[in-house]
Amino acid sequence: KVPNFTGDWLLERSENSEAFVRAIGYSPLIARTVSSAQARQDIEHEGDELRCRFETVPPMAPARFVVFHVGEDEVRGSDDIGRETLLVKPTWRGQALAAGLRYPKSSHMLRIERYMEDGRMVEHLRYPGKGVEMRRIFAKASA
């Protein structure tokens, strides 16, 4: 059985985010800003459909809304700064929702996995071409 990611999730902590954000081409100042921002992800997950609202405080880009289905070829979106991304072939790999993540205006090819760990939702990004990764750990907001 796959996990259900439904919830209002608040970033609790991140691991290696500043180095990762620099590896994908952002300046040291932007990388520090991204690393210190509070991220919020509101997700409605039913079957293979996920409806997501992403925002950061302070806002670095307008709130983003994405609806996608597991198995789609490509899903247009954007990162926390607003740069265009493509989620490529989201699929279940065991207990993780895994996909490629591409920046159309660059050569960056990443991998992203979303999974549950100790009651937290983890967003795990890897950049195999540069040998760097980051994890963002989210806790459910209090009701």
C-alpha atoms as a PDB file:
ATOM      1  CA  LYS A   1       0.000   0.000   0.000  1.00  0.00           C
ATOM      2  CA  VAL A   2       1.293   3.460  -0.923  1.00  0.00           C
ATOM      3  CA  PRO A   3       1.229   6.373   1.535  1.00  0.00           C
ATOM      4  CA  ASN A   4      -1.323   9.158   1.366  1.00  0.00           C
ATOM      5  CA  PHE A   5       0.219  12.635   1.370  1.00  0.00           C
ATOM      6  CA  THR A   6      -3.010  14.534   2.110  1.00  0.00           C
ATOM      7  CA  GLY A   7      -2.397  17.348   4.570  1.00  0.00           C
ATOM      8  CA  ASP A   8      -1.186  20.845   5.229  1.00  0.00           C
ATOM      9  CA  TRP A   9       2.567  20.361   5.570  1.00  0.00           C
ATOM     10  CA  LEU A  10       5.041  22.860   7.054  1.00  0.00           C
ATOM     11  CA  LEU A  11       8.780  22.645   6.549  1.00  0.00           C
ATOM     12  CA  GLU A  12      10.332  21.458   9.794  1.00  0.00           C
ATOM     13  CA  ARG A  13      13.936  21.314   8.597  1.00  0.00           C
ATOM     14  CA  SER A  14      16.061  20.865   5.509  1.00  0.00           C
ATOM     15  CA  GLU A  15      19.322  19.046   4.931  1.00  0.00           C
ATOM     16  CA  ASN A  16      21.979  20.373   2.544  1.00  0.00           C
ATOM     17  CA  SER A  17      19.578  22.801   0.863  1.00  0.00           C
ATOM     18  CA  GLU A  18      22.014  25.692   0.396  1.00  0.00           C
ATOM     19  CA  ALA A  19      24.604  23.543  -1.440  1.00  0.00           C
ATOM     20  CA  PHE A  20      21.897  21.917  -3.532  1.00  0.00           C
ATOM     21  CA  VAL A  21      20.312  25.227  -4.565  1.00  0.00           C
ATOM     22  CA  ARG A  22      23.744  26.561  -5.554  1.00  0.00           C
ATOM     23  CA  ALA A  23      24.378  23.397  -7.612  1.00  0.00           C
ATOM     24  CA  ILE A  24      21.267  24.086  -9.702  1.00  0.00           C
ATOM     25  CA  GLY A  25      22.551  27.537 -10.580  1.00  0.00           C
ATOM     26  CA  TYR A  26      21.285  30.001  -7.998  1.00  0.00           C
ATOM     27  CA  SER A  27      23.540  32.635  -6.456  1.00  0.00           C
ATOM     28  CA  PRO A  28      24.842  32.245  -2.888  1.00  0.00           C
ATOM     29  CA  LEU A  29      22.424  34.987  -1.727  1.00  0.00           C
ATOM     30  CA  ILE A  30      19.382  33.270  -3.266  1.00  0.00           C
ATOM     31  CA  ALA A  31      20.591  29.913  -1.908  1.00  0.00           C
ATOM     32  CA  ARG A  32      20.750  31.344   1.631  1.00  0.00           C
ATOM     33  CA  THR A  33      17.300  32.929   1.233  1.00  0.00           C
ATOM     34  CA  VAL A  34      15.770  29.662  -0.010  1.00  0.00           C
ATOM     35  CA  SER A  35      17.430  27.750   2.818  1.00  0.00           C
ATOM     36  CA  SER A  36      15.949  30.030   5.464  1.00  0.00           C
ATOM     37  CA  ALA A  37      12.442  30.344   3.987  1.00  0.00           C
ATOM     38  CA  GLN A  38       9.456  28.577   5.524  1.00  0.00           C
ATOM     39  CA  ALA A  39       7.837  26.297   2.931  1.00  0.00           C
ATOM     40  CA  ARG A  40       4.240  25.123   3.076  1.00  0.00           C
ATOM     41  CA  GLN A  41       2.735  22.360   0.955  1.00  0.00           C
ATOM     42  CA  ASP A  42      -1.011  21.752   1.027  1.00  0.00           C
ATOM     43  CA  ILE A  43      -1.739  18.428  -0.665  1.00  0.00           C
ATOM     44  CA  GLU A  44      -4.960  16.610  -1.499  1.00  0.00           C
ATOM     45  CA  HIS A  45      -4.106  13.054  -2.509  1.00  0.00           C
ATOM     46  CA  GLU A  46      -6.746  10.671  -3.847  1.00  0.00           C
ATOM     47  CA  GLY A  47      -5.588   7.484  -5.561  1.00  0.00           C
ATOM     48  CA  ASP A  48      -3.125   8.477  -8.278  1.00  0.00           C
ATOM     49  CA  GLU A  49      -4.145  12.151  -8.327  1.00  0.00           C
ATOM     50  CA  LEU A  50      -2.360  14.819  -6.293  1.00  0.00           C
ATOM     51  CA  ARG A  51      -3.575  18.419  -6.044  1.00  0.00           C
ATOM     52  CA  CYS A  52      -0.852  20.577  -4.550  1.00  0.00           C
ATOM     53  CA  ARG A  53      -0.477  24.180  -3.426  1.00  0.00           C
ATOM     54  CA  PHE A  54       3.089  25.305  -2.713  1.00  0.00           C
ATOM     55  CA  GLU A  55       4.146  28.566  -1.065  1.00  0.00           C
ATOM     56  CA  THR A  56       7.045  30.060   0.852  1.00  0.00           C
ATOM     57  CA  VAL A  57       7.297  32.699   3.584  1.00  0.00           C
ATOM     58  CA  PRO A  58       8.699  35.150   2.810  1.00  0.00           C
ATOM     59  CA  PRO A  59       7.184  34.752  -0.680  1.00  0.00           C
ATOM     60  CA  MET A  60       9.918  34.281  -3.281  1.00  0.00           C
ATOM     61  CA  ALA A  61       7.363  33.585  -6.036  1.00  0.00           C
ATOM     62  CA  PRO A  62       3.570  33.506  -6.170  1.00  0.00           C
ATOM     63  CA  ALA A  63       1.888  30.445  -4.625  1.00  0.00           C
ATOM     64  CA  ARG A  64       1.898  27.585  -7.129  1.00  0.00           C
ATOM     65  CA  PHE A  65      -0.906  25.136  -7.877  1.00  0.00           C
ATOM     66  CA  VAL A  66      -0.204  21.818  -9.560  1.00  0.00           C
ATOM     67  CA  VAL A  67      -2.516  18.890 -10.283  1.00  0.00           C
ATOM     68  CA  PHE A  68      -0.943  15.703 -11.573  1.00  0.00           C
ATOM     69  CA  HIS A  69      -1.547  11.995 -11.927  1.00  0.00           C
ATOM     70  CA  VAL A  70       0.942   9.231 -11.287  1.00  0.00           C
ATOM     71  CA  GLY A  71       1.977   7.893 -14.700  1.00  0.00           C
ATOM     72  CA  GLU A  72       1.774  11.191 -16.633  1.00  0.00           C
ATOM     73  CA  ASP A  73       4.640  11.871 -19.041  1.00  0.00           C
ATOM     74  CA  GLU A  74       5.363  15.446 -17.953  1.00  0.00           C
ATOM     75  CA  VAL A  75       3.831  17.895 -15.504  1.00  0.00           C
ATOM     76  CA  ARG A  76       4.635  21.618 -15.709  1.00  0.00           C
ATOM     77  CA  GLY A  77       5.451  23.406 -12.475  1.00  0.00           C
ATOM     78  CA  SER A  78       7.991  25.725 -10.906  1.00  0.00           C
ATOM     79  CA  ASP A  79      10.448  25.729  -8.042  1.00  0.00           C
ATOM     80  CA  ASP A  80      10.274  27.911  -4.914  1.00  0.00           C
ATOM     81  CA  ILE A  81      11.864  30.843  -6.768  1.00  0.00           C
ATOM     82  CA  GLY A  82       9.496  30.564  -9.736  1.00  0.00           C
ATOM     83  CA  ARG A  83      11.809  28.960 -12.287  1.00  0.00           C
ATOM     84  CA  GLU A  84       9.958  26.577 -14.634  1.00  0.00           C
ATOM     85  CA  THR A  85      10.285  22.829 -13.964  1.00  0.00           C
ATOM     86  CA  LEU A  86       8.971  19.639 -15.520  1.00  0.00           C
ATOM     87  CA  LEU A  87       8.104  16.623 -13.383  1.00  0.00           C
ATOM     88  CA  VAL A  88       8.908  13.627 -15.599  1.00  0.00           C
ATOM     89  CA  LYS A  89       7.024  10.316 -15.359  1.00  0.00           C
ATOM     90  CA  PRO A  90       5.911  10.323 -11.712  1.00  0.00           C
ATOM     91  CA  THR A  91       5.573   6.729 -10.565  1.00  0.00           C
ATOM     92  CA  TRP A  92       5.350   4.692  -7.386  1.00  0.00           C
ATOM     93  CA  ARG A  93       8.595   2.986  -6.350  1.00  0.00           C
ATOM     94  CA  GLY A  94       7.637   0.981  -3.312  1.00  0.00           C
ATOM     95  CA  GLN A  95       6.518   3.511  -0.686  1.00  0.00           C
ATOM     96  CA  ALA A  96       7.975   6.501  -2.561  1.00  0.00           C
ATOM     97  CA  LEU A  97       6.490   8.705  -5.259  1.00  0.00           C
ATOM     98  CA  ALA A  98       9.462   9.128  -7.600  1.00  0.00           C
ATOM     99  CA  ALA A  99      10.026  11.189 -10.744  1.00  0.00           C
ATOM    100  CA  GLY A 100      12.585  12.968 -12.824  1.00  0.00           C
ATOM    101  CA  LEU A 101      12.732  16.737 -12.398  1.00  0.00           C
ATOM    102  CA  ARG A 102      13.973  18.834 -15.275  1.00  0.00           C
ATOM    103  CA  TYR A 103      14.633  22.534 -15.725  1.00  0.00           C
ATOM    104  CA  PRO A 104      13.692  23.171 -19.399  1.00  0.00           C
ATOM    105  CA  LYS A 105      15.928  26.253 -19.714  1.00  0.00           C
ATOM    106  CA  SER A 106      19.041  24.447 -18.436  1.00  0.00           C
ATOM    107  CA  SER A 107      20.716  21.066 -18.500  1.00  0.00           C
ATOM    108  CA  HIS A 108      19.780  20.211 -14.892  1.00  0.00           C
ATOM    109  CA  MET A 109      18.354  16.672 -14.637  1.00  0.00           C
ATOM    110  CA  LEU A 110      17.309  15.792 -11.109  1.00  0.00           C
ATOM    111  CA  ARG A 111      15.488  12.994  -9.300  1.00  0.00           C
ATOM    112  CA  ILE A 112      12.789  13.658  -6.725  1.00  0.00           C
ATOM    113  CA  GLU A 113      11.157  11.286  -4.260  1.00  0.00           C
ATOM    114  CA  ARG A 114       8.385  11.973  -1.776  1.00  0.00           C
ATOM    115  CA  TYR A 115       7.875   9.501   1.067  1.00  0.00           C
ATOM    116  CA  MET A 116       6.889   9.228   4.704  1.00  0.00           C
ATOM    117  CA  GLU A 117       9.459   8.821   7.488  1.00  0.00           C
ATOM    118  CA  ASP A 118       8.553   8.781  11.198  1.00  0.00           C
ATOM    119  CA  GLY A 119       5.219  10.536  10.566  1.00  0.00           C
ATOM    120  CA  ARG A 120       6.903  13.243   8.493  1.00  0.00           C
ATOM    121  CA  MET A 121       6.711  13.811   4.743  1.00  0.00           C
ATOM    122  CA  VAL A 122      10.120  13.903   3.086  1.00  0.00           C
ATOM    123  CA  GLU A 123      10.924  15.579  -0.226  1.00  0.00           C
ATOM    124  CA  HIS A 124      14.266  14.124  -1.334  1.00  0.00           C
ATOM    125  CA  LEU A 125      16.013  15.690  -4.333  1.00  0.00           C
ATOM    126  CA  ARG A 126      19.122  14.322  -6.002  1.00  0.00           C
ATOM    127  CA  TYR A 127      21.318  15.811  -8.698  1.00  0.00           C
ATOM    128  CA  PRO A 128      23.269  12.755  -9.919  1.00  0.00           C
ATOM    129  CA  GLY A 129      25.330  14.784 -12.420  1.00  0.00           C
ATOM    130  CA  LYS A 130      26.832  16.845  -9.588  1.00  0.00           C
ATOM    131  CA  GLY A 131      26.682  14.280  -6.777  1.00  0.00           C
ATOM    132  CA  VAL A 132      24.603  16.491  -4.490  1.00  0.00           C
ATOM    133  CA  GLU A 133      21.261  15.932  -2.780  1.00  0.00           C
ATOM    134  CA  MET A 134      18.973  17.576  -0.267  1.00  0.00           C
ATOM    135  CA  ARG A 135      16.077  16.522   1.902  1.00  0.00           C
ATOM    136  CA  ARG A 136      13.241  18.697   3.137  1.00  0.00           C
ATOM    137  CA  ILE A 137      11.275  17.262   6.048  1.00  0.00           C
ATOM    138  CA  PHE A 138       7.696  18.444   6.568  1.00  0.00           C
ATOM    139  CA  ALA A 139       5.437  18.039   9.602  1.00  0.00           C
ATOM    140  CA  LYS A 140       1.655  18.300   9.499  1.00  0.00           C
ATOM    141  CA  ALA A 141       0.334  21.670  10.607  1.00  0.00           C
ATOM    142  CA  SER A 142      -1.640  21.649  13.864  1.00  0.00           C
ATOM    143  CA  ALA A 143      -5.373  21.389  13.346  1.00  0.00           C
END
